C-alpha atoms as a PDB file:
ATOM      1  CA  MET A   1      88.431  26.047 243.235  1.00  0.00           C
ATOM      2  CA  THR A   2      84.687  25.398 242.952  1.00  0.00           C
ATOM      3  CA  ASP A   3      82.569  22.309 242.500  1.00  0.00           C
ATOM      4  CA  ILE A   4      79.255  21.965 240.726  1.00  0.00           C
ATOM      5  CA  LYS A   5      76.905  19.846 242.794  1.00  0.00           C
ATOM      6  CA  PRO A   6      73.244  18.898 242.546  1.00  0.00           C
ATOM      7  CA  ILE A   7      71.048  20.385 245.232  1.00  0.00           C
ATOM      8  CA  SER A   8      67.618  18.935 245.900  1.00  0.00           C
ATOM      9  CA  ILE A   9      64.430  20.470 247.160  1.00  0.00           C
ATOM     10  CA  PRO A  10      64.579  20.497 250.978  1.00  0.00           C
ATOM     11  CA  LEU A  11      63.505  17.252 252.664  1.00  0.00           C
ATOM     12  CA  SER A  12      63.775  16.726 256.408  1.00  0.00           C
ATOM     13  CA  ARG A  13      64.099  13.292 258.002  1.00  0.00           C
ATOM     14  CA  THR A  14      60.490  13.727 259.172  1.00  0.00           C
ATOM     15  CA  LYS A  15      59.291  14.292 255.591  1.00  0.00           C
ATOM     16  CA  ILE A  16      61.390  11.380 254.321  1.00  0.00           C
ATOM     17  CA  ARG A  17      59.957   9.173 257.091  1.00  0.00           C
ATOM     18  CA  GLU A  18      56.465  10.175 255.874  1.00  0.00           C
ATOM     19  CA  LEU A  19      57.476   9.180 252.319  1.00  0.00           C
ATOM     20  CA  ALA A  20      58.735   5.830 253.637  1.00  0.00           C
ATOM     21  CA  ALA A  21      55.372   5.276 255.345  1.00  0.00           C
ATOM     22  CA  ILE A  22      53.593   5.935 252.041  1.00  0.00           C
ATOM     23  CA  PHE A  23      56.034   3.621 250.293  1.00  0.00           C
ATOM     24  CA  ARG A  24      55.399   0.863 252.844  1.00  0.00           C
ATOM     25  CA  LYS A  25      51.631   1.367 252.651  1.00  0.00           C
ATOM     26  CA  VAL A  26      51.540   1.231 248.840  1.00  0.00           C
ATOM     27  CA  THR A  27      53.633  -1.953 248.866  1.00  0.00           C
ATOM     28  CA  ASN A  28      51.485  -3.448 251.655  1.00  0.00           C
ATOM     29  CA  THR A  29      54.566  -4.028 253.823  1.00  0.00           C
ATOM     30  CA  GLU A  30      53.691  -1.867 256.842  1.00  0.00           C
ATOM     31  CA  LYS A  31      53.800  -4.825 259.238  1.00  0.00           C
ATOM     32  CA  ILE A  32      56.693  -6.748 257.714  1.00  0.00           C
ATOM     33  CA  PHE A  33      60.248  -6.206 258.946  1.00  0.00           C
ATOM     34  CA  TYR A  34      61.937  -7.555 255.807  1.00  0.00           C
ATOM     35  CA  PHE A  35      61.382  -5.399 252.740  1.00  0.00           C
ATOM     36  CA  ASP A  36      62.069  -7.472 249.613  1.00  0.00           C
ATOM     37  CA  VAL A  37      64.040  -4.887 247.688  1.00  0.00           C
ATOM     38  CA  LEU A  38      64.846  -7.226 244.781  1.00  0.00           C
ATOM     39  CA  SER A  39      61.203  -8.130 244.188  1.00  0.00           C
ATOM     40  CA  PHE A  40      60.392  -4.452 244.297  1.00  0.00           C
ATOM     41  CA  LEU A  41      63.182  -3.645 241.823  1.00  0.00           C
ATOM     42  CA  GLU A  42      62.235  -6.491 239.490  1.00  0.00           C
ATOM     43  CA  LEU A  43      58.425  -6.336 239.702  1.00  0.00           C
ATOM     44  CA  GLY A  44      57.162  -3.457 241.816  1.00  0.00           C
ATOM     45  CA  MET A  45      58.889  -0.698 239.885  1.00  0.00           C
ATOM     46  CA  MET A  46      57.078  -1.796 236.721  1.00  0.00           C
ATOM     47  CA  THR A  47      53.709  -1.279 238.412  1.00  0.00           C
ATOM     48  CA  ILE A  48      54.665   2.339 239.109  1.00  0.00           C
ATOM     49  CA  ASP A  49      56.467   3.068 235.830  1.00  0.00           C
ATOM     50  CA  ASN A  50      55.631   0.696 232.981  1.00  0.00           C
ATOM     51  CA  GLN A  51      58.688   1.934 231.062  1.00  0.00           C
ATOM     52  CA  PHE A  52      61.041   1.099 233.915  1.00  0.00           C
ATOM     53  CA  GLU A  53      63.894  -1.310 233.484  1.00  0.00           C
ATOM     54  CA  TYR A  54      66.782  -2.290 235.701  1.00  0.00           C
ATOM     55  CA  ILE A  55      70.064  -3.397 234.246  1.00  0.00           C
ATOM     56  CA  TYR A  56      72.857  -5.076 236.112  1.00  0.00           C
ATOM     57  CA  LEU A  57      76.243  -4.678 234.542  1.00  0.00           C
ATOM     58  CA  PRO A  58      79.676  -6.259 235.049  1.00  0.00           C
ATOM     59  CA  LYS A  59      82.489  -4.411 236.836  1.00  0.00           C
ATOM     60  CA  ASN A  60      84.140  -3.181 233.654  1.00  0.00           C
ATOM     61  CA  GLU A  61      80.944  -1.388 232.609  1.00  0.00           C
ATOM     62  CA  MET A  62      80.205   0.136 236.037  1.00  0.00           C
ATOM     63  CA  LYS A  63      83.606   1.695 236.642  1.00  0.00           C
ATOM     64  CA  GLY A  64      83.455   3.567 239.930  1.00  0.00           C
ATOM     65  CA  TYR A  65      79.710   2.995 240.448  1.00  0.00           C
ATOM     66  CA  TYR A  66      77.779   0.509 242.533  1.00  0.00           C
ATOM     67  CA  GLY A  67      74.528   1.793 241.102  1.00  0.00           C
ATOM     68  CA  LYS A  68      73.127   4.619 239.049  1.00  0.00           C
ATOM     69  CA  ALA A  69      69.551   5.925 238.849  1.00  0.00           C
ATOM     70  CA  CYS A  70      68.423   7.613 235.638  1.00  0.00           C
ATOM     71  CA  PRO A  71      64.766   8.552 236.157  1.00  0.00           C
ATOM     72  CA  GLU A  72      64.490  10.432 232.859  1.00  0.00           C
ATOM     73  CA  GLU A  73      65.616   7.265 231.042  1.00  0.00           C
ATOM     74  CA  HIS A  74      63.358   5.079 233.252  1.00  0.00           C
ATOM     75  CA  LYS A  75      66.400   2.988 234.253  1.00  0.00           C
ATOM     76  CA  ILE A  76      68.433   1.943 237.223  1.00  0.00           C
ATOM     77  CA  TYR A  77      71.847   0.434 236.603  1.00  0.00           C
ATOM     78  CA  ILE A  78      73.216  -1.915 239.256  1.00  0.00           C
ATOM     79  CA  HIS A  79      76.748  -3.282 239.564  1.00  0.00           C
ATOM     80  CA  GLU A  80      76.614  -7.055 239.051  1.00  0.00           C
ATOM     81  CA  ASP A  81      78.319  -7.752 242.398  1.00  0.00           C
ATOM     82  CA  VAL A  82      75.747  -5.587 244.188  1.00  0.00           C
ATOM     83  CA  TYR A  83      72.866  -7.442 242.550  1.00  0.00           C
ATOM     84  CA  LEU A  84      74.362 -10.830 243.393  1.00  0.00           C
ATOM     85  CA  GLY A  85      75.071  -9.693 246.961  1.00  0.00           C
ATOM     86  CA  ALA A  86      71.480  -8.573 247.347  1.00  0.00           C
ATOM     87  CA  THR A  87      70.294 -12.044 246.261  1.00  0.00           C
ATOM     88  CA  LYS A  88      72.253 -13.311 249.303  1.00  0.00           C
ATOM     89  CA  ASP A  89      70.617 -10.712 251.588  1.00  0.00           C
ATOM     90  CA  ILE A  90      73.857  -8.829 252.204  1.00  0.00           C
ATOM     91  CA  GLY A  91      72.661  -5.661 253.925  1.00  0.00           C
ATOM     92  CA  ARG A  92      75.034  -3.252 252.199  1.00  0.00           C
ATOM     93  CA  HIS A  93      73.983  -4.463 248.755  1.00  0.00           C
ATOM     94  CA  ARG A  94      70.272  -4.388 249.603  1.00  0.00           C
ATOM     95  CA  PHE A  95      70.828  -0.846 250.851  1.00  0.00           C
ATOM     96  CA  THR A  96      72.614   0.168 247.633  1.00  0.00           C
ATOM     97  CA  ILE A  97      69.690  -0.992 245.517  1.00  0.00           C
ATOM     98  CA  MET A  98      67.167   0.786 247.752  1.00  0.00           C
ATOM     99  CA  HIS A  99      69.408   3.886 247.647  1.00  0.00           C
ATOM    100  CA  GLU A 100      69.190   3.927 243.830  1.00  0.00           C
ATOM    101  CA  ILE A 101      65.419   3.405 243.980  1.00  0.00           C
ATOM    102  CA  ALA A 102      65.264   6.391 246.343  1.00  0.00           C
ATOM    103  CA  HIS A 103      67.218   8.514 243.855  1.00  0.00           C
ATOM    104  CA  TYR A 104      64.837   7.367 241.123  1.00  0.00           C
ATOM    105  CA  PHE A 105      61.826   8.735 242.996  1.00  0.00           C
ATOM    106  CA  LEU A 106      63.320  11.761 244.734  1.00  0.00           C
ATOM    107  CA  HIS A 107      65.727  13.207 242.213  1.00  0.00           C
ATOM    108  CA  LYS A 108      64.048  13.829 238.916  1.00  0.00           C
ATOM    109  CA  LYS A 109      65.334  16.890 237.071  1.00  0.00           C
ATOM    110  CA  GLU A 110      62.494  19.116 238.276  1.00  0.00           C
ATOM    111  CA  ASN A 111      63.573  18.522 241.898  1.00  0.00           C
ATOM    112  CA  LEU A 112      67.215  19.462 241.363  1.00  0.00           C
ATOM    113  CA  VAL A 113      69.330  22.507 240.683  1.00  0.00           C
ATOM    114  CA  LEU A 114      73.034  22.626 239.964  1.00  0.00           C
ATOM    115  CA  ALA A 115      75.044  25.007 242.095  1.00  0.00           C
ATOM    116  CA  ARG A 116      78.660  26.039 241.952  1.00  0.00           C
ATOM    117  CA  LEU A 117      80.045  25.934 245.471  1.00  0.00           C
ATOM    118  CA  SER A 118      83.361  27.096 246.782  1.00  0.00           C
ATOM    119  CA  LYS A 119      85.411  24.361 248.403  1.00  0.00           C
ATOM    120  CA  ASP A 120      84.479  25.701 251.860  1.00  0.00           C
ATOM    121  CA  GLU A 121      80.724  25.672 251.222  1.00  0.00           C
ATOM    122  CA  LYS A 122      78.652  22.654 252.079  1.00  0.00           C
ATOM    123  CA  ILE A 123      75.178  21.716 250.983  1.00  0.00           C
ATOM    124  CA  PRO A 124      72.808  21.478 253.958  1.00  0.00           C
ATOM    125  CA  LYS A 125      72.148  17.779 254.528  1.00  0.00           C
ATOM    126  CA  TYR A 126      68.409  18.189 254.023  1.00  0.00           C
ATOM    127  CA  GLN A 127      69.195  19.310 250.436  1.00  0.00           C
ATOM    128  CA  ASP A 128      72.021  16.823 249.806  1.00  0.00           C
ATOM    129  CA  VAL A 129      70.899  14.213 247.267  1.00  0.00           C
ATOM    130  CA  GLU A 130      73.079  11.485 248.788  1.00  0.00           C
ATOM    131  CA  TRP A 131      71.857  12.126 252.339  1.00  0.00           C
ATOM    132  CA  GLN A 132      68.251  12.079 251.094  1.00  0.00           C
ATOM    133  CA  ALA A 133      68.703   8.801 249.176  1.00  0.00           C
ATOM    134  CA  ASN A 134      70.531   7.211 252.121  1.00  0.00           C
ATOM    135  CA  THR A 135      67.824   8.337 254.520  1.00  0.00           C
ATOM    136  CA  LEU A 136      64.914   7.109 252.404  1.00  0.00           C
ATOM    137  CA  ALA A 137      66.685   3.782 251.803  1.00  0.00           C
ATOM    138  CA  ALA A 138      67.231   3.335 255.547  1.00  0.00           C
ATOM    139  CA  GLU A 139      63.683   4.419 256.404  1.00  0.00           C
ATOM    140  CA  VAL A 140      62.159   1.902 253.977  1.00  0.00           C
ATOM    141  CA  LEU A 141      64.452  -1.015 254.833  1.00  0.00           C
ATOM    142  CA  ALA A 142      64.409  -0.482 258.621  1.00  0.00           C
ATOM    143  CA  TYR A 143      60.915   0.916 259.013  1.00  0.00           C
ATOM    144  CA  ALA A 144      60.711   3.098 262.136  1.00  0.00           C
ATOM    145  CA  PRO A 145      57.295   1.966 263.481  1.00  0.00           C
ATOM    146  CA  LEU A 146      58.484  -1.648 263.473  1.00  0.00           C
ATOM    147  CA  ILE A 147      61.977  -1.221 264.892  1.00  0.00           C
ATOM    148  CA  LYS A 148      61.387   1.211 267.730  1.00  0.00           C
ATOM    149  CA  ASN A 149      61.511  -1.497 270.427  1.00  0.00           C
ATOM    150  CA  CYS A 150      64.295  -3.572 268.864  1.00  0.00           C
ATOM    151  CA  THR A 151      68.013  -3.791 269.497  1.00  0.00           C
ATOM    152  CA  ILE A 152      70.556  -2.977 266.804  1.00  0.00           C
ATOM    153  CA  LYS A 153      71.249  -6.693 266.364  1.00  0.00           C
ATOM    154  CA  GLU A 154      67.530  -7.485 266.005  1.00  0.00           C
ATOM    155  CA  ILE A 155      67.074  -4.708 263.431  1.00  0.00           C
ATOM    156  CA  ALA A 156      70.066  -5.889 261.405  1.00  0.00           C
ATOM    157  CA  HIS A 157      68.791  -9.468 261.457  1.00  0.00           C
ATOM    158  CA  LYS A 158      65.049  -8.891 260.951  1.00  0.00           C
ATOM    159  CA  CYS A 159      65.450  -6.172 258.305  1.00  0.00           C
ATOM    160  CA  ALA A 160      68.583  -7.603 256.613  1.00  0.00           C
ATOM    161  CA  VAL A 161      70.459  -4.316 256.932  1.00  0.00           C
ATOM    162  CA  SER A 162      73.968  -3.547 258.109  1.00  0.00           C
ATOM    163  CA  TYR A 163      74.666  -2.775 261.751  1.00  0.00           C
ATOM    164  CA  GLN A 164      75.485   0.772 260.667  1.00  0.00           C
ATOM    165  CA  VAL A 165      72.015   1.273 259.140  1.00  0.00           C
ATOM    166  CA  ALA A 166      70.392  -0.358 262.177  1.00  0.00           C
ATOM    167  CA  ARG A 167      72.330   1.920 264.542  1.00  0.00           C
ATOM    168  CA  ILE A 168      71.507   5.092 262.607  1.00  0.00           C
ATOM    169  CA  GLN A 169      67.838   4.212 262.330  1.00  0.00           C
ATOM    170  CA  LEU A 170      67.476   3.339 266.000  1.00  0.00           C
ATOM    171  CA  LYS A 171      69.228   6.562 266.999  1.00  0.00           C
ATOM    172  CA  SER A 172      66.925   8.626 264.754  1.00  0.00           C
ATOM    173  CA  ILE A 173      63.702   7.418 266.406  1.00  0.00           C
END
């Protein structure tokens, strides 16, 4: 049995951290713990791509998905519950939206190949599209230069991320 999976151009955590720094600089949020992911989704994305639109859809239209990035269509689809959770600063939902934004920027067709893998083969994490999107989302939301002297609890609170994201980010510094 084989699976067809997307494989991205190689990106190390160091390279992704550099991209997060550029992202923070462009959004003028280098010194701010809390990254306003909803404002960026709703307003900031339009300044980068004037054709961009985000659409939040009810459960019955997002079967099995919390979010979906379609860069070639200039769209990000967000599950309604995720959007509403993000308005309440629920870390997991903020992360999901940033994860889809990361896919939007990192995973355009020209950066991907499809590969048929045997069930025993694994994509190296630095080429795994989900690892890359997770890593960029975490790096933007819990920005390394700001959190390096914080506790996990402080990171979770100040950056409005889950304890899991805070723990992973702190460990990666």
